[in-house]
Protein backbone atom coordinates (compact mmCIF):
# COMPACT_ATOMS: atom_id res chain seq x y z
CA MET A 1 0.00 0.00 0.00
CA LEU A 2 2.79 2.42 0.96
CA LYS A 3 4.55 1.76 -2.35
CA ARG A 4 1.49 3.01 -4.22
CA ILE A 5 1.48 6.33 -2.36
CA ASN A 6 3.31 9.05 -4.23
CA GLN A 7 5.40 10.73 -1.54
CA CYS A 8 5.68 13.88 -3.64
CA ASP A 9 1.86 14.15 -3.63
CA VAL A 10 1.91 13.79 0.16
CA TYR A 11 4.49 16.57 0.57
CA VAL A 12 2.68 18.96 -1.78
CA GLY A 13 -0.58 18.18 0.02
CA MET A 14 1.03 18.95 3.37
CA TRP A 15 2.31 22.24 2.01
CA CYS A 16 -1.18 23.21 0.84
CA ILE A 17 -2.62 22.27 4.24
CA TYR A 18 0.02 24.35 5.99
CA MET A 19 -0.43 27.38 3.73
CA LEU A 20 -4.22 27.34 4.11
CA GLN A 21 -4.12 27.73 7.88
CA GLY A 22 -6.72 30.27 8.92
CA ILE A 23 -8.75 29.44 5.81
CA LEU A 24 -9.51 25.73 6.06
CA TYR A 25 -8.81 25.43 9.78
CA PRO A 26 -7.81 27.68 12.72
CA ARG A 27 -4.14 28.48 13.23
CA GLY A 28 -2.55 26.47 15.98
CA ILE A 29 -1.08 23.07 16.66
CA ILE A 30 -2.09 21.57 13.29
CA ASN A 31 -0.02 23.92 11.13
CA GLN A 32 2.92 23.71 13.57
CA VAL A 33 2.97 19.91 13.39
CA VAL A 34 2.66 19.96 9.59
CA GLN A 35 5.49 22.48 9.21
CA LEU A 36 7.77 20.57 11.58
CA THR A 37 7.08 17.30 9.75
CA MET A 38 7.89 18.88 6.40
CA LEU A 39 11.09 20.41 7.74
CA LEU A 40 12.32 17.17 9.33
CA TRP A 41 11.46 15.24 6.17
CA SER A 42 13.44 17.55 3.89
CA MET A 43 16.35 17.86 6.34
CA ALA A 44 16.62 14.06 6.54
CA VAL A 45 17.25 14.02 2.79
CA VAL A 46 19.76 16.88 3.05
CA LEU A 47 21.70 14.99 5.72
CA LYS A 48 21.70 11.86 3.55
CA TYR A 49 23.35 13.85 0.77
CA ILE A 50 25.85 15.47 3.13
CA ILE A 51 26.83 12.19 4.83
CA ARG A 52 27.33 10.28 1.56
CA PRO A 53 28.18 12.94 -1.05
CA SER A 54 30.08 10.52 -3.32
CA VAL A 55 26.94 8.39 -3.66
CA TYR A 56 24.19 11.01 -3.84
CA LEU A 57 25.72 14.38 -4.62
CA HIS A 58 26.25 14.59 -8.38
CA SER A 59 24.51 17.89 -9.09
CA PRO A 60 26.57 21.11 -9.16
CA ILE A 61 23.43 23.03 -8.16
CA LEU A 62 22.97 20.91 -5.05
CA LYS A 63 26.63 21.31 -4.10
CA THR A 64 26.35 25.10 -4.05
CA THR A 65 22.95 24.86 -2.32
CA ILE A 66 24.59 22.86 0.47
CA LEU A 67 27.09 25.69 0.96
CA LEU A 68 24.19 28.08 1.50
CA ILE A 69 22.46 25.68 3.90
CA VAL A 70 25.63 25.18 5.95
CA MET A 71 26.18 28.94 6.09
CA TYR A 72 22.63 29.60 7.27
CA MET A 73 22.85 26.76 9.81
CA ILE A 74 26.05 28.21 11.31
CA TYR A 75 24.72 31.77 11.50
CA GLY A 76 21.26 30.63 12.58
CA GLY A 77 22.69 28.35 15.27
CA ILE A 78 24.85 31.15 16.67
CA HIS A 79 21.84 33.47 16.63
CA ILE A 80 19.73 30.94 18.56
CA MET A 81 22.40 30.34 21.21
CA PHE A 82 23.78 33.85 21.68
CA GLY A 83 21.48 36.30 19.88
CA ASP A 84 18.60 38.39 21.13
CA ALA A 85 15.09 38.69 19.76
CA ILE A 86 15.17 41.65 17.37
CA MET A 87 12.00 43.69 16.86
CA MET A 88 9.84 40.89 18.34
CA ARG A 89 11.34 38.35 15.91
CA ASP A 90 12.36 35.10 17.64
CA GLN A 91 15.96 33.97 17.18
CA TYR A 92 15.05 30.64 15.57
CA LEU A 93 13.08 32.19 12.70
CA TYR A 94 16.21 33.03 10.66
CA LEU A 95 17.30 29.39 10.61
CA GLN A 96 13.76 28.09 10.16
CA ALA A 97 13.10 30.31 7.14
CA SER A 98 16.43 29.38 5.53
CA LEU A 99 15.91 25.62 5.92
CA ASN A 100 12.25 25.77 4.85
CA SER A 101 13.41 27.56 1.72
CA LEU A 102 16.41 25.49 0.59
CA ALA A 103 16.06 22.00 2.08
CA PRO A 104 13.02 21.06 -0.10
CA VAL A 105 15.24 21.42 -3.20
CA PHE A 106 16.98 18.22 -2.13
CA LEU A 107 13.67 16.51 -1.40
CA PHE A 108 12.31 17.27 -4.87
CA TYR A 109 15.62 16.20 -6.42
CA ASP A 110 15.17 12.91 -4.57
CA PHE A 111 11.54 12.62 -5.68
CA THR A 112 12.61 13.15 -9.31
CA MET A 113 15.39 10.57 -9.04
CA ASN A 114 12.89 8.01 -7.68
CA GLY A 115 10.25 8.73 -10.32
CA LYS A 116 7.86 10.45 -7.92
CA LEU A 117 8.13 13.87 -9.55
CA THR A 118 7.61 13.82 -13.32
CA SER A 119 6.46 16.26 -15.97
CA GLU A 120 2.98 14.75 -15.65
CA ARG A 121 2.91 15.43 -11.89
CA ILE A 122 4.08 19.00 -12.50
CA ARG A 123 1.13 19.58 -14.83
CA ILE A 124 -1.22 18.16 -12.19
CA TYR A 125 0.25 20.34 -9.44
CA LEU A 126 -0.10 23.64 -11.34
CA PRO A 127 -3.90 24.09 -11.02
CA ILE A 128 -3.69 22.98 -7.38
CA LEU A 129 -1.03 25.58 -6.67
CA ILE A 130 -2.99 28.27 -8.54
CA ILE A 131 -6.10 27.59 -6.46
CA THR A 132 -4.02 27.65 -3.27
CA CYS A 133 -2.45 30.98 -4.26
CA ILE A 134 -5.87 32.47 -5.05
CA LEU A 135 -7.19 31.49 -1.62
CA LEU A 136 -4.06 32.90 0.02
CA TYR A 137 -4.42 36.10 -1.99
CA TYR A 138 -7.89 36.86 -0.68
CA GLU A 139 -7.03 35.86 2.89
CA ASN A 140 -3.95 38.08 2.78
CA ALA A 141 -6.00 40.94 1.35
CA ARG A 142 -8.60 40.49 4.09
CA GLN A 143 -5.96 40.55 6.82
CA PHE A 144 -4.29 43.70 5.44
CA SER A 145 -7.65 45.43 5.01
CA LEU A 146 -8.46 44.78 8.67
CA LEU A 147 -5.12 46.25 9.73
CA THR A 148 -5.16 49.30 7.46
CA ASN A 149 -8.90 49.94 6.97
CA GLN A 150 -8.22 50.15 3.23
CA GLU A 151 -10.04 48.21 0.55
CA GLU A 152 -7.03 48.16 -1.79
CA VAL A 153 -3.60 47.12 -0.54
CA THR A 154 -0.41 45.70 -1.98
CA ASN A 155 -0.47 41.93 -1.75
CA ASN A 156 2.75 39.93 -1.40
CA ILE A 157 1.05 36.84 -2.82
CA GLY A 158 1.75 38.38 -6.23
CA TYR A 159 5.28 37.04 -5.85
CA MET A 160 3.90 33.53 -5.36
CA PHE A 161 1.99 33.73 -8.62
CA ILE A 162 5.05 34.62 -10.71
CA THR A 163 6.87 31.53 -9.41
CA LEU A 164 4.25 29.44 -11.26
CA ILE A 165 5.15 30.79 -14.71
CA PRO A 166 7.93 28.19 -15.33
CA PHE A 167 5.24 25.50 -14.91
CA LEU A 168 3.40 26.86 -17.93
CA PHE A 169 6.05 25.60 -20.35
CA PHE A 170 4.99 22.06 -19.44
CA TYR A 171 1.62 22.81 -21.08
CA SER A 172 3.08 23.41 -24.54
CA ARG A 173 0.86 20.64 -25.95
CA LYS A 174 -2.24 22.24 -24.43
CA PRO A 175 -2.00 25.87 -25.59
CA ILE A 176 -5.55 26.89 -24.69
CA LEU A 177 -5.10 25.74 -21.10
CA GLN A 178 -1.65 27.28 -21.01
CA TYR A 179 -2.99 30.71 -21.97
CA VAL A 180 -5.90 30.45 -19.55
CA PHE A 181 -3.37 29.91 -16.77
CA ILE A 182 -1.26 32.82 -18.06
CA GLY A 183 -4.30 35.08 -17.90
CA ILE A 184 -5.18 34.01 -14.34
CA ILE A 185 -1.61 34.45 -13.09
CA LEU A 186 -1.17 37.88 -14.66
CA LEU A 187 -4.55 39.03 -13.33
CA TYR A 188 -3.54 38.34 -9.73
CA VAL A 189 -0.01 39.67 -10.21
CA PHE A 190 -1.44 43.02 -11.34
CA MET A 191 -4.13 42.97 -8.66
CA GLY A 192 -1.43 42.46 -6.03
CA MET A 193 0.19 45.77 -7.09
CA LYS A 194 3.68 44.66 -6.05
CA ARG A 195 5.79 46.50 -8.59
CA GLY A 196 8.70 44.06 -8.44
CA ALA A 197 6.36 41.12 -9.00
CA ILE A 198 4.69 42.90 -11.92
CA LEU A 199 8.01 43.62 -13.64
CA ILE A 200 9.29 40.05 -13.17
CA GLY A 201 5.91 38.60 -14.20
CA ILE A 202 5.87 40.62 -17.41
CA LEU A 203 9.45 39.58 -18.24
CA ALA A 204 8.76 35.88 -17.59
CA THR A 205 5.52 36.02 -19.61
CA MET A 206 7.32 37.66 -22.54
CA ILE A 207 9.82 34.77 -22.55
CA LEU A 208 6.95 32.28 -22.62
CA LEU A 209 5.11 34.07 -25.42
CA TYR A 210 8.31 34.51 -27.42
CA SER A 211 9.25 30.84 -27.08
CA ASN A 212 5.78 29.77 -28.23
CA LEU A 213 5.89 31.98 -31.31
CA LYS A 214 9.50 31.19 -32.19
CA ASN A 215 9.43 27.41 -31.83
CA SER A 216 5.98 26.47 -33.12
CA SER A 217 4.95 25.09 -36.49
CA ARG A 218 3.25 27.39 -38.99
CA ARG A 219 -0.22 26.08 -38.11
CA MET A 220 0.38 26.45 -34.37
CA LYS A 221 2.01 29.86 -34.85
CA ILE A 222 -1.32 31.27 -36.06
CA LEU A 223 -3.02 30.02 -32.89
CA PHE A 224 -0.27 31.43 -30.70
CA VAL A 225 -0.47 34.83 -32.43
CA ILE A 226 -4.20 34.93 -31.70
CA LEU A 227 -3.78 33.85 -28.09
CA THR A 228 -0.87 36.24 -27.53
CA THR A 229 -2.94 39.09 -28.94
CA VAL A 230 -5.76 38.21 -26.54
CA ILE A 231 -3.34 38.27 -23.58
CA VAL A 232 -1.76 41.60 -24.60
CA VAL A 233 -5.13 43.27 -25.24
CA GLY A 234 -6.51 41.86 -22.00
CA VAL A 235 -3.60 43.18 -19.94
CA SER A 236 -3.84 46.59 -21.64
CA LYS A 237 -7.59 46.81 -21.01
CA TYR A 238 -7.14 45.83 -17.39
CA ILE A 239 -4.45 48.49 -16.84
CA ASP A 240 -6.67 51.14 -18.47
CA TYR A 241 -9.59 50.07 -16.27
CA MET A 242 -7.52 50.21 -13.08
CA MET A 243 -6.06 53.61 -13.94
CA ASP A 244 -9.57 54.98 -14.46
CA ASN A 245 -11.20 53.34 -11.44
CA SER A 246 -8.53 52.69 -8.79
CA ALA A 247 -6.98 55.60 -6.95
CA TYR A 248 -4.58 53.22 -5.22
CA PHE A 249 -3.41 51.75 -8.54
CA MET A 250 -2.81 55.27 -9.87
CA ALA A 251 -0.88 56.16 -6.73
CA ARG A 252 1.35 53.11 -7.14
CA TYR A 253 1.89 54.02 -10.80
CA GLU A 254 2.84 57.60 -9.93
CA GLN A 255 5.21 56.35 -7.23
CA THR A 256 6.95 54.19 -9.83
CA VAL A 257 7.26 57.05 -12.33
CA GLU A 258 8.63 59.36 -9.64
CA GLY A 259 11.16 56.74 -8.52
CA ASP A 260 9.57 56.19 -5.12
CA ALA A 261 11.11 52.94 -3.78
CA SER A 262 8.69 52.56 -0.85
CA GLY A 263 11.40 53.36 1.68
CA ARG A 264 13.97 51.00 0.19
CA ASP A 265 16.27 53.91 -0.64
CA ILE A 266 16.42 54.85 3.05
CA ILE A 267 17.14 51.23 4.07
CA TYR A 268 19.82 50.89 1.37
CA GLU A 269 21.48 54.13 2.45
CA LYS A 270 21.67 53.04 6.10
CA LEU A 271 23.08 49.64 5.23
CA TRP A 272 25.58 50.95 2.69
CA ASN A 273 26.80 53.67 5.08
CA THR A 274 27.32 50.99 7.73
CA LEU A 275 29.18 48.70 5.33
CA LEU A 276 31.36 51.47 3.84
CA SER A 277 32.32 52.82 7.25
CA GLU A 278 33.11 49.35 8.61
CA THR A 279 36.48 49.27 10.36
CA SER A 280 36.41 45.67 11.55
CA PRO A 281 37.85 43.18 9.01
CA PHE A 282 35.87 40.44 10.77
CA TYR A 283 32.54 42.18 10.12
CA PHE A 284 33.55 42.90 6.52
CA TYR A 285 34.40 39.28 5.72
CA PHE A 286 31.91 37.45 7.95
CA GLY A 287 29.14 39.99 8.52
CA ARG A 288 27.34 41.08 11.64
CA GLY A 289 25.29 37.93 12.06
CA ALA A 290 21.76 36.71 11.41
CA ASP A 291 19.06 39.39 11.12
CA SER A 292 21.63 42.16 11.63
CA THR A 293 19.85 44.31 9.03
CA LEU A 294 17.04 44.66 11.56
CA LYS A 295 19.51 46.14 14.04
CA VAL A 296 21.19 48.44 11.53
CA ALA A 297 18.24 49.67 9.46
CA GLY A 298 15.20 48.59 11.46
CA ASN A 299 14.03 46.44 8.56
CA TYR A 300 15.17 43.78 6.13
CA ALA A 301 17.20 45.00 3.17
CA HIS A 302 14.57 43.81 0.65
CA GLN A 303 17.54 42.98 -1.54
CA ASP A 304 19.33 39.67 -1.10
CA TRP A 305 22.84 40.82 -1.97
CA LEU A 306 22.81 43.69 0.50
CA GLU A 307 21.07 41.52 3.11
CA THR A 308 23.73 38.84 2.71
CA PHE A 309 26.62 41.33 2.81
CA CYS A 310 25.35 42.79 6.08
CA ASN A 311 24.47 39.46 7.71
CA ASN A 312 27.11 37.11 6.31
CA GLY A 313 29.83 39.40 4.98
CA LEU A 314 31.87 39.11 1.81
CA ILE A 315 32.17 35.34 2.30
CA GLY A 316 28.38 35.05 2.24
CA VAL A 317 28.14 37.17 -0.91
CA LEU A 318 30.66 34.92 -2.65
CA ILE A 319 28.70 31.80 -1.64
CA LEU A 320 25.48 33.39 -2.90
CA PHE A 321 27.20 34.36 -6.16
CA SER A 322 28.51 30.80 -6.54
CA PHE A 323 24.96 29.48 -6.20
CA PHE A 324 23.54 31.78 -8.86
CA TYR A 325 26.52 31.35 -11.19
CA THR A 326 26.09 27.56 -11.07
CA PHE A 327 22.31 27.85 -11.36
CA GLY A 328 22.51 30.21 -14.36
CA LYS A 329 25.23 28.19 -16.09
CA ASN A 330 23.21 24.99 -15.80
CA ALA A 331 20.05 26.71 -17.03
CA TRP A 332 21.89 28.02 -20.09
CA ARG A 333 23.57 24.68 -20.78
CA SER A 334 20.21 22.90 -20.64
CA ARG A 335 19.71 24.03 -24.26
CA ARG A 336 22.07 21.20 -25.28
CA SER A 337 19.98 18.39 -23.79
CA PHE A 338 16.50 19.61 -22.92
CA SER A 339 13.77 20.31 -25.43
CA VAL A 340 13.45 23.94 -26.46
CA MET A 341 10.39 24.55 -24.28
CA LEU A 342 11.81 22.89 -21.16
CA SER A 343 15.09 24.73 -21.56
CA TYR A 344 13.12 27.99 -21.66
CA SER A 345 11.34 26.86 -18.48
CA PHE A 346 14.66 26.31 -16.70
CA ILE A 347 16.00 29.68 -17.89
CA THR A 348 12.78 31.42 -16.82
CA LEU A 349 13.04 29.79 -13.39
CA PHE A 350 16.55 31.22 -13.03
CA ILE A 351 15.41 34.69 -14.13
CA VAL A 352 12.47 34.72 -11.71
CA ILE A 353 14.55 33.63 -8.71
CA PHE A 354 17.51 35.87 -9.56
CA CYS A 355 15.41 38.96 -10.26
CA LYS A 356 13.65 38.57 -6.93
CA THR A 357 17.02 39.04 -5.21
CA LEU A 358 17.01 42.61 -6.54
CA PHE A 359 13.57 43.55 -5.14
CA SER A 360 12.75 41.22 -2.28
CA MET A 361 13.76 38.14 -0.28
CA SER A 362 14.51 35.26 -2.64
CA VAL A 363 17.03 32.62 -1.57
CA GLN A 364 15.76 32.49 2.02
CA ASP A 365 12.16 32.58 0.82
CA LEU A 366 11.95 30.09 -2.05
CA LYS A 367 8.36 29.01 -2.63
CA LEU A 368 7.43 25.35 -2.99
CA SER A 369 6.96 25.88 -6.74
CA GLU A 370 10.52 27.20 -7.07
CA SER A 371 12.18 24.50 -4.98
CA MET A 372 10.18 21.85 -6.86
CA MET A 373 11.30 23.04 -10.28
CA LEU A 374 14.89 23.62 -9.15
CA GLY A 375 15.16 20.11 -7.73
CA TYR A 376 13.54 18.65 -10.85
CA PHE A 377 15.87 20.38 -13.30
CA ALA A 378 18.94 19.86 -11.09
CA PHE A 379 18.42 16.10 -11.33
CA TRP A 380 17.89 15.95 -15.09
CA MET A 381 21.01 18.03 -15.69
CA THR A 382 23.03 15.15 -14.19
CA GLN A 383 21.53 12.52 -16.51
CA PRO A 384 22.58 11.48 -20.04
CA SER A 385 19.79 12.30 -22.49
CA GLU A 386 19.03 8.66 -23.31
CA GLU A 387 18.02 8.05 -19.68
CA THR A 388 15.63 10.99 -19.33
CA GLU A 389 11.89 11.32 -19.74
CA GLU A 390 11.02 10.99 -23.40
CA GLU A 391 8.50 13.80 -23.12
CA LEU A 392 10.93 16.11 -21.39
CA PHE A 393 13.33 16.00 -24.31
CA SER A 394 10.83 16.10 -27.16
CA ASP A 395 10.16 19.35 -28.99
CA SER A 396 6.40 19.18 -28.74
CA LEU A 397 5.76 22.35 -30.73
CA LEU A 398 7.81 21.48 -33.80
């Protein structure tokens, strides 16, 4: 019976249950138990790879990911033992967030290696994840409205929606469904009014539309031109409608035009002044410790490179750079072995995760969709093409 259970389905189901706390059930012991179970499960796989690297660790992406995990474990452990709660944030949250973000990459790599995570499962998960994000969007909006007494607020769930765009490449054989999902994702990204998410979402969508038009047959190209036109016109009409009817949307637009960074410029200035005036070589190379941006600037940097430099020093920045260099190099090299569409998916995944480092938390806040796709592609990059999924390496649009 246990052999018939797809463990990947179980993990994704647990994630959905955890994320829907306060919607499907009251917050409390249930979500805490689910989160702890998920964390222990993924960390057990990470430890397996660390203990026997010659047997399990063949992926360059996983090797650099382990460097990040070890770094966050060291800094997080020190923070738990010797640090103080900063701005009502418990000391263990730094380590918890880091492990919840990166450890699942190894779990999904393992699921892919054991045949539990396939392209078919990814297509099944997408509508489930979209529905989960929609429910989270409205719950998040409700919570913010109660706090601010405003009907329209910026909604961070917009960032969750853009992480689903790499999934859309797996629907290349079902273009109508693919474009329906594009429309839904873009609708909620724009409704969320997070400017970073909107910019990244537009860029990722342009890659998808371009790849469809460039790599399709003549007959399919006509269909894609029609569907692309519908998407472009729909987005344009929605923006016009919001500019005419939403004062908050217009305010966000004017802030963008005027270069208003929502306070980020003040945070950046404080952090940069601290870093540039640093006299301690130890702080320069190893940073000031976990969550030190909260001490220095009273907030997170909202920019991974600056956050890492302040918390983990130059050594941390180099480890982070190593991760993204390896990630980007593998995504680009996937053109040699993956199908055109799946290579575009891998490249889009890299762009989404990397671009988030410039606007928001990324590496320490990978969503399940991102860790799933990263683990999936990291595994297939280690395999000779003759041993991979036939569908994964077929150019379905040609």
